[in-house]
């Protein structure tokens, strides 16, 4: 039987519309790959509460669970476990964002997400964010023509 792993992640957006990626540190599985900040959901936590806790622990920021906007989720089978991961968007938080756990952080233009090697489960999320950005740009251009 495959082990089920529940994690939650955030796409943090800055004022330029860039999204934050974190590089997995040496010594962890999938070291060197880029991913969205987040972590495991502990017993008794909702995904939103777990994400607020993880972002505080990893990045030193404070956010409220009600500030998260559901974007998508991933269900992905790895060799030794199956991952379920909701992704939430976040545009506002309190505190200065910093790398508490020593991971490299980088603000990335959404169109450049595929320039960053990522775990297989994150690739569909990259595709979703790119598609949403292009849809929004196309819709905006169409509105400008009316």
N, C-alpha and C. Protein backbone atom coordinates (compact mmCIF):
# COMPACT_ATOMS: atom_id res chain seq x y z
N UNK A 1 0.84 -1.18 0.00
CA UNK A 1 0.00 0.00 0.00
C UNK A 1 0.89 1.25 0.00
N UNK A 2 0.56 2.21 -0.84
CA UNK A 2 1.33 3.44 -0.97
C UNK A 2 1.01 4.40 0.17
N UNK A 3 2.05 5.01 0.72
CA UNK A 3 1.89 5.99 1.79
C UNK A 3 1.33 7.28 1.20
N UNK A 4 0.30 7.84 1.84
CA UNK A 4 -0.31 9.10 1.43
C UNK A 4 0.31 10.23 2.24
N UNK A 5 0.83 11.24 1.55
CA UNK A 5 1.45 12.39 2.20
C UNK A 5 0.62 13.63 1.87
N UNK A 6 0.15 14.31 2.92
CA UNK A 6 -0.64 15.53 2.76
C UNK A 6 0.24 16.73 3.07
N UNK A 7 0.43 17.58 2.08
CA UNK A 7 1.18 18.82 2.28
C UNK A 7 0.36 19.98 1.72
N UNK A 8 0.75 21.17 2.07
CA UNK A 8 0.07 22.37 1.59
C UNK A 8 1.15 23.37 1.17
N UNK A 9 0.86 24.15 0.13
CA UNK A 9 1.85 25.09 -0.38
C UNK A 9 1.19 26.42 -0.73
N UNK A 10 2.04 27.45 -0.83
CA UNK A 10 1.55 28.79 -1.14
C UNK A 10 2.30 29.37 -2.32
N UNK A 11 1.53 30.02 -3.19
CA UNK A 11 2.10 30.86 -4.23
C UNK A 11 2.00 32.28 -3.70
N UNK A 12 3.11 32.80 -3.17
CA UNK A 12 3.15 34.17 -2.67
C UNK A 12 3.47 35.09 -3.84
N UNK A 13 2.65 36.13 -4.01
CA UNK A 13 2.83 37.06 -5.12
C UNK A 13 3.26 38.42 -4.59
N UNK A 14 4.27 39.02 -5.22
CA UNK A 14 4.68 40.37 -4.83
C UNK A 14 3.95 41.39 -5.69
N UNK A 15 4.26 42.67 -5.48
CA UNK A 15 3.55 43.75 -6.19
C UNK A 15 3.84 43.75 -7.69
N UNK A 16 4.89 43.07 -8.14
CA UNK A 16 5.21 42.96 -9.57
C UNK A 16 4.57 41.74 -10.22
N UNK A 17 3.81 40.97 -9.44
CA UNK A 17 3.17 39.78 -9.98
C UNK A 17 4.09 38.57 -10.04
N UNK A 18 5.28 38.69 -9.44
CA UNK A 18 6.20 37.55 -9.39
C UNK A 18 5.78 36.61 -8.26
N UNK A 19 6.18 35.35 -8.39
CA UNK A 19 5.84 34.34 -7.40
C UNK A 19 7.13 33.87 -6.71
N UNK A 20 7.02 33.54 -5.44
CA UNK A 20 8.18 33.12 -4.66
C UNK A 20 8.42 31.63 -4.78
N UNK A 21 9.66 31.26 -5.10
CA UNK A 21 10.09 29.86 -5.09
C UNK A 21 11.19 29.69 -4.06
N UNK A 22 11.24 28.50 -3.47
CA UNK A 22 12.28 28.15 -2.50
C UNK A 22 13.02 26.93 -3.03
N UNK A 23 14.34 26.94 -2.89
CA UNK A 23 15.14 25.81 -3.34
C UNK A 23 15.35 24.83 -2.19
N UNK A 24 15.04 23.56 -2.45
CA UNK A 24 15.21 22.53 -1.42
C UNK A 24 16.68 22.40 -1.06
N UNK A 25 17.00 22.46 0.24
CA UNK A 25 18.41 22.44 0.67
C UNK A 25 19.05 21.07 0.55
N UNK A 26 20.38 21.07 0.54
CA UNK A 26 21.14 19.82 0.55
C UNK A 26 20.75 19.01 1.78
N UNK A 27 20.75 17.69 1.63
CA UNK A 27 20.41 16.81 2.74
C UNK A 27 18.95 16.41 2.79
N UNK A 28 18.09 17.11 2.03
CA UNK A 28 16.68 16.74 1.96
C UNK A 28 16.43 16.01 0.64
N UNK A 29 15.35 15.24 0.61
CA UNK A 29 15.01 14.59 -0.65
C UNK A 29 14.74 15.67 -1.70
N UNK A 30 15.07 15.38 -2.93
CA UNK A 30 14.90 16.30 -4.05
C UNK A 30 15.68 17.60 -3.85
N UNK A 31 16.85 17.50 -3.20
CA UNK A 31 17.69 18.67 -2.94
C UNK A 31 18.02 19.40 -4.24
N UNK A 32 18.01 20.72 -4.18
CA UNK A 32 18.34 21.55 -5.33
C UNK A 32 17.16 21.91 -6.20
N UNK A 33 16.03 21.22 -6.03
CA UNK A 33 14.85 21.54 -6.83
C UNK A 33 14.11 22.72 -6.21
N UNK A 34 13.36 23.42 -7.04
CA UNK A 34 12.62 24.61 -6.62
C UNK A 34 11.16 24.26 -6.40
N UNK A 35 10.57 24.83 -5.36
CA UNK A 35 9.18 24.53 -5.02
C UNK A 35 8.54 25.74 -4.36
N UNK A 36 7.24 25.64 -4.16
CA UNK A 36 6.51 26.67 -3.44
C UNK A 36 6.67 26.43 -1.95
N UNK A 37 6.79 27.49 -1.15
CA UNK A 37 6.89 27.32 0.30
C UNK A 37 5.66 26.62 0.86
N UNK A 38 5.86 25.85 1.91
CA UNK A 38 4.77 25.14 2.56
C UNK A 38 5.31 23.97 3.34
N UNK A 39 4.44 23.01 3.62
CA UNK A 39 4.89 21.85 4.37
C UNK A 39 3.75 20.92 4.71
N UNK A 40 4.05 20.00 5.60
CA UNK A 40 3.09 18.96 5.96
C UNK A 40 1.97 19.50 6.85
N UNK A 41 0.81 18.90 6.67
CA UNK A 41 -0.35 19.21 7.49
C UNK A 41 -0.32 18.29 8.70
N UNK A 42 -0.32 18.88 9.89
CA UNK A 42 -0.29 18.08 11.11
C UNK A 42 -1.70 17.68 11.52
N UNK A 43 -1.79 16.63 12.33
CA UNK A 43 -3.09 16.14 12.80
C UNK A 43 -3.87 17.28 13.45
N UNK A 44 -5.13 17.40 13.09
CA UNK A 44 -6.01 18.41 13.66
C UNK A 44 -5.96 19.76 12.98
N UNK A 45 -5.07 19.93 11.99
CA UNK A 45 -4.96 21.21 11.29
C UNK A 45 -5.77 21.20 10.00
N UNK A 46 -6.36 22.33 9.67
CA UNK A 46 -6.90 22.52 8.34
C UNK A 46 -5.72 22.88 7.43
N UNK A 47 -5.87 22.74 6.12
CA UNK A 47 -4.77 23.15 5.24
C UNK A 47 -4.37 24.61 5.44
N UNK A 48 -5.35 25.48 5.64
CA UNK A 48 -5.05 26.91 5.79
C UNK A 48 -4.27 27.20 7.08
N UNK A 49 -4.66 26.56 8.17
CA UNK A 49 -3.95 26.75 9.44
C UNK A 49 -2.53 26.19 9.33
N UNK A 50 -2.40 25.02 8.70
CA UNK A 50 -1.07 24.43 8.51
C UNK A 50 -0.19 25.35 7.68
N UNK A 51 -0.76 25.95 6.64
CA UNK A 51 0.03 26.82 5.77
C UNK A 51 0.47 28.09 6.50
N UNK A 52 -0.42 28.68 7.27
CA UNK A 52 -0.05 29.86 8.05
C UNK A 52 1.10 29.52 9.00
N UNK A 53 1.03 28.37 9.64
CA UNK A 53 2.10 27.93 10.56
C UNK A 53 3.41 27.73 9.80
N UNK A 54 3.35 27.00 8.68
CA UNK A 54 4.55 26.72 7.89
C UNK A 54 5.21 27.99 7.37
N UNK A 55 4.41 28.94 6.88
CA UNK A 55 4.98 30.18 6.35
C UNK A 55 5.65 31.00 7.46
N UNK A 56 5.09 30.94 8.66
CA UNK A 56 5.72 31.62 9.79
C UNK A 56 7.03 30.93 10.16
N UNK A 57 7.03 29.60 10.18
CA UNK A 57 8.24 28.85 10.54
C UNK A 57 9.34 28.99 9.49
N UNK A 58 8.98 28.96 8.21
CA UNK A 58 9.97 28.97 7.14
C UNK A 58 10.39 30.37 6.70
N UNK A 59 9.43 31.31 6.71
CA UNK A 59 9.69 32.63 6.12
C UNK A 59 9.56 33.78 7.11
N UNK A 60 9.10 33.51 8.32
CA UNK A 60 8.97 34.54 9.33
C UNK A 60 7.82 35.51 9.11
N UNK A 61 6.88 35.15 8.25
CA UNK A 61 5.75 36.04 7.99
C UNK A 61 4.51 35.56 8.74
N UNK A 62 3.61 36.51 8.97
CA UNK A 62 2.36 36.20 9.65
C UNK A 62 1.23 36.46 8.66
N UNK A 63 0.36 35.48 8.53
CA UNK A 63 -0.79 35.63 7.65
C UNK A 63 -1.98 34.94 8.30
N UNK A 64 -3.16 35.35 7.86
CA UNK A 64 -4.38 34.77 8.40
C UNK A 64 -4.91 33.73 7.42
N UNK A 65 -5.41 32.62 7.94
CA UNK A 65 -5.95 31.58 7.05
C UNK A 65 -6.99 32.11 6.06
N UNK A 66 -7.76 33.11 6.47
CA UNK A 66 -8.80 33.64 5.57
C UNK A 66 -8.21 34.47 4.42
N UNK A 67 -6.92 34.80 4.48
CA UNK A 67 -6.27 35.55 3.40
C UNK A 67 -5.87 34.67 2.22
N UNK A 68 -5.88 33.36 2.40
CA UNK A 68 -5.47 32.45 1.34
C UNK A 68 -6.59 32.29 0.31
N UNK A 69 -6.20 32.28 -0.96
CA UNK A 69 -7.14 32.03 -2.05
C UNK A 69 -6.78 30.70 -2.70
N UNK A 70 -7.75 29.79 -2.75
CA UNK A 70 -7.50 28.48 -3.34
C UNK A 70 -7.19 28.64 -4.83
N UNK A 71 -6.10 28.03 -5.28
CA UNK A 71 -5.72 28.10 -6.69
C UNK A 71 -5.96 26.75 -7.37
N UNK A 72 -5.36 25.71 -6.86
CA UNK A 72 -5.47 24.38 -7.47
C UNK A 72 -4.98 23.35 -6.47
N UNK A 73 -4.96 22.10 -6.87
CA UNK A 73 -4.35 21.06 -6.04
C UNK A 73 -3.70 20.04 -6.95
N UNK A 74 -2.77 19.29 -6.37
CA UNK A 74 -2.04 18.26 -7.11
C UNK A 74 -2.22 16.93 -6.42
N UNK A 75 -2.43 15.90 -7.21
CA UNK A 75 -2.41 14.51 -6.75
C UNK A 75 -1.37 13.81 -7.61
N UNK A 76 -0.24 13.44 -6.99
CA UNK A 76 0.89 12.92 -7.77
C UNK A 76 1.51 11.71 -7.09
N UNK A 77 1.74 10.66 -7.86
CA UNK A 77 2.39 9.46 -7.34
C UNK A 77 3.89 9.51 -7.59
N UNK A 78 4.64 9.45 -6.50
CA UNK A 78 6.09 9.26 -6.57
C UNK A 78 6.35 7.77 -6.36
N UNK A 79 7.60 7.37 -6.45
CA UNK A 79 7.95 5.96 -6.33
C UNK A 79 7.53 5.36 -4.99
N UNK A 80 7.72 6.10 -3.90
CA UNK A 80 7.48 5.53 -2.58
C UNK A 80 6.36 6.20 -1.78
N UNK A 81 5.64 7.16 -2.38
CA UNK A 81 4.50 7.78 -1.70
C UNK A 81 3.61 8.48 -2.72
N UNK A 82 2.40 8.81 -2.28
CA UNK A 82 1.46 9.57 -3.10
C UNK A 82 1.23 10.91 -2.42
N UNK A 83 1.41 11.98 -3.17
CA UNK A 83 1.31 13.34 -2.64
C UNK A 83 -0.03 13.97 -2.99
N UNK A 84 -0.68 14.54 -1.99
CA UNK A 84 -1.84 15.41 -2.19
C UNK A 84 -1.44 16.79 -1.69
N UNK A 85 -1.56 17.81 -2.55
CA UNK A 85 -1.10 19.14 -2.17
C UNK A 85 -2.02 20.23 -2.71
N UNK A 86 -2.80 20.86 -1.83
CA UNK A 86 -3.51 22.06 -2.27
C UNK A 86 -2.53 23.23 -2.35
N UNK A 87 -2.75 24.11 -3.33
CA UNK A 87 -1.95 25.32 -3.48
C UNK A 87 -2.86 26.52 -3.28
N UNK A 88 -2.44 27.41 -2.40
CA UNK A 88 -3.18 28.64 -2.13
C UNK A 88 -2.36 29.84 -2.57
N UNK A 89 -3.04 30.88 -3.02
CA UNK A 89 -2.38 32.13 -3.36
C UNK A 89 -2.42 33.08 -2.18
N UNK A 90 -1.40 33.92 -2.08
CA UNK A 90 -1.31 34.90 -1.00
C UNK A 90 -0.62 36.14 -1.52
N UNK A 91 -1.27 37.30 -1.33
CA UNK A 91 -0.70 38.57 -1.78
C UNK A 91 -0.35 39.51 -0.64
N UNK A 92 -0.87 39.25 0.56
CA UNK A 92 -0.62 40.15 1.69
C UNK A 92 -0.25 39.34 2.91
N UNK A 93 0.74 39.85 3.64
CA UNK A 93 1.19 39.23 4.89
C UNK A 93 1.85 40.31 5.73
N UNK A 94 2.09 39.98 6.99
CA UNK A 94 2.78 40.89 7.89
C UNK A 94 4.17 40.34 8.17
N UNK A 95 5.12 41.25 8.35
CA UNK A 95 6.48 40.85 8.65
C UNK A 95 7.36 40.87 7.42
N UNK A 96 8.66 40.85 7.67
CA UNK A 96 9.63 40.85 6.58
C UNK A 96 9.96 39.42 6.19
N UNK A 97 9.71 39.12 4.94
CA UNK A 97 9.95 37.77 4.43
C UNK A 97 11.45 37.48 4.42
N UNK A 98 11.84 36.36 5.01
CA UNK A 98 13.25 35.98 5.05
C UNK A 98 13.36 34.46 5.11
N UNK A 99 14.53 33.96 4.80
CA UNK A 99 14.76 32.52 4.81
C UNK A 99 15.22 32.08 6.20
N UNK A 100 14.32 31.54 6.98
CA UNK A 100 14.65 31.11 8.34
C UNK A 100 15.36 29.76 8.34
N UNK A 101 14.99 28.88 7.42
CA UNK A 101 15.55 27.53 7.39
C UNK A 101 16.75 27.41 6.45
N UNK A 102 17.24 28.54 5.95
CA UNK A 102 18.44 28.53 5.12
C UNK A 102 18.23 28.22 3.65
N UNK A 103 16.99 28.06 3.23
CA UNK A 103 16.73 27.77 1.83
C UNK A 103 16.91 29.04 0.99
N UNK A 104 17.34 28.86 -0.25
CA UNK A 104 17.46 29.98 -1.17
C UNK A 104 16.06 30.35 -1.64
N UNK A 105 15.75 31.65 -1.61
CA UNK A 105 14.44 32.15 -2.05
C UNK A 105 14.63 33.02 -3.27
N UNK A 106 13.68 32.95 -4.19
CA UNK A 106 13.78 33.79 -5.38
C UNK A 106 12.40 34.16 -5.88
N UNK A 107 12.24 35.46 -6.19
CA UNK A 107 11.01 35.94 -6.83
C UNK A 107 11.16 35.69 -8.32
N UNK A 108 10.16 35.05 -8.91
CA UNK A 108 10.26 34.58 -10.30
C UNK A 108 9.08 35.09 -11.11
N UNK A 109 9.37 35.62 -12.30
CA UNK A 109 8.31 35.96 -13.23
C UNK A 109 7.61 34.66 -13.62
N UNK A 110 6.30 34.67 -13.62
CA UNK A 110 5.54 33.44 -13.88
C UNK A 110 5.93 32.81 -15.22
N UNK A 111 6.23 33.62 -16.22
CA UNK A 111 6.62 33.08 -17.52
C UNK A 111 7.96 32.34 -17.47
N UNK A 112 8.73 32.51 -16.41
CA UNK A 112 10.04 31.86 -16.29
C UNK A 112 10.02 30.67 -15.33
N UNK A 113 8.88 30.25 -14.86
CA UNK A 113 8.83 29.15 -13.89
C UNK A 113 9.54 27.90 -14.39
N UNK A 114 9.39 27.58 -15.66
CA UNK A 114 10.00 26.35 -16.18
C UNK A 114 11.52 26.45 -16.30
N UNK A 115 12.09 27.62 -16.03
CA UNK A 115 13.55 27.75 -15.99
C UNK A 115 14.12 27.16 -14.70
N UNK A 116 13.25 26.85 -13.75
CA UNK A 116 13.67 26.36 -12.44
C UNK A 116 13.33 24.87 -12.31
N UNK A 117 14.34 24.01 -12.18
CA UNK A 117 14.06 22.57 -12.00
C UNK A 117 13.20 22.37 -10.76
N UNK A 118 12.14 21.58 -10.90
CA UNK A 118 11.17 21.42 -9.82
C UNK A 118 10.76 19.96 -9.66
N UNK A 119 10.24 19.61 -8.49
CA UNK A 119 9.69 18.26 -8.32
C UNK A 119 8.56 18.03 -9.33
N UNK A 120 8.39 16.80 -9.74
CA UNK A 120 7.38 16.46 -10.75
C UNK A 120 5.98 16.95 -10.37
N UNK A 121 5.65 16.93 -9.10
CA UNK A 121 4.32 17.36 -8.66
C UNK A 121 4.09 18.85 -8.89
N UNK A 122 5.15 19.64 -8.95
CA UNK A 122 5.00 21.09 -9.10
C UNK A 122 4.83 21.52 -10.56
N UNK A 123 5.23 20.69 -11.51
CA UNK A 123 5.16 21.08 -12.92
C UNK A 123 3.74 21.41 -13.36
N UNK A 124 2.71 20.62 -13.01
CA UNK A 124 1.35 21.01 -13.38
C UNK A 124 0.93 22.34 -12.77
N UNK A 125 1.45 22.66 -11.59
CA UNK A 125 1.13 23.95 -10.96
C UNK A 125 1.79 25.08 -11.76
N UNK A 126 3.03 24.89 -12.17
CA UNK A 126 3.68 25.89 -13.02
C UNK A 126 2.83 26.13 -14.26
N UNK A 127 2.39 25.05 -14.91
CA UNK A 127 1.57 25.17 -16.12
C UNK A 127 0.27 25.92 -15.84
N UNK A 128 -0.37 25.62 -14.72
CA UNK A 128 -1.63 26.28 -14.34
C UNK A 128 -1.41 27.78 -14.14
N UNK A 129 -0.37 28.16 -13.43
CA UNK A 129 -0.11 29.58 -13.18
C UNK A 129 0.21 30.33 -14.48
N UNK A 130 0.98 29.71 -15.36
CA UNK A 130 1.30 30.32 -16.65
C UNK A 130 0.02 30.50 -17.47
N UNK A 131 -0.82 29.47 -17.52
CA UNK A 131 -2.07 29.55 -18.28
C UNK A 131 -2.99 30.63 -17.71
N UNK A 132 -3.09 30.71 -16.38
CA UNK A 132 -3.94 31.74 -15.76
C UNK A 132 -3.43 33.14 -16.08
N UNK A 133 -2.12 33.31 -16.05
CA UNK A 133 -1.55 34.63 -16.36
C UNK A 133 -1.87 35.02 -17.80
N UNK A 134 -1.67 34.09 -18.72
CA UNK A 134 -1.92 34.40 -20.13
C UNK A 134 -3.40 34.64 -20.39
N UNK A 135 -4.27 33.89 -19.70
CA UNK A 135 -5.71 34.11 -19.84
C UNK A 135 -6.08 35.50 -19.34
N UNK A 136 -5.53 35.90 -18.20
CA UNK A 136 -5.82 37.22 -17.64
C UNK A 136 -5.33 38.32 -18.58
N UNK A 137 -4.14 38.15 -19.16
CA UNK A 137 -3.61 39.14 -20.08
C UNK A 137 -4.46 39.23 -21.33
N UNK A 138 -4.90 38.09 -21.86
CA UNK A 138 -5.74 38.07 -23.06
C UNK A 138 -7.09 38.72 -22.77
N UNK A 139 -7.68 38.41 -21.63
CA UNK A 139 -8.97 38.99 -21.25
C UNK A 139 -8.85 40.50 -21.09
N UNK A 140 -7.75 40.96 -20.50
CA UNK A 140 -7.52 42.39 -20.30
C UNK A 140 -7.40 43.10 -21.65
N UNK A 141 -6.67 42.49 -22.59
CA UNK A 141 -6.52 43.09 -23.92
C UNK A 141 -7.86 43.15 -24.63
N UNK A 142 -8.67 42.10 -24.47
CA UNK A 142 -9.99 42.08 -25.10
C UNK A 142 -10.87 43.19 -24.52
N UNK A 143 -10.82 43.39 -23.20
CA UNK A 143 -11.61 44.46 -22.57
C UNK A 143 -11.16 45.83 -23.08
N UNK A 144 -9.85 45.99 -23.30
CA UNK A 144 -9.33 47.27 -23.77
C UNK A 144 -9.85 47.61 -25.17
N UNK A 145 -10.22 46.60 -25.94
CA UNK A 145 -10.71 46.81 -27.31
C UNK A 145 -12.18 47.20 -27.34
N UNK A 146 -12.89 46.98 -26.25
CA UNK A 146 -14.33 47.26 -26.23
C UNK A 146 -14.63 48.71 -25.94
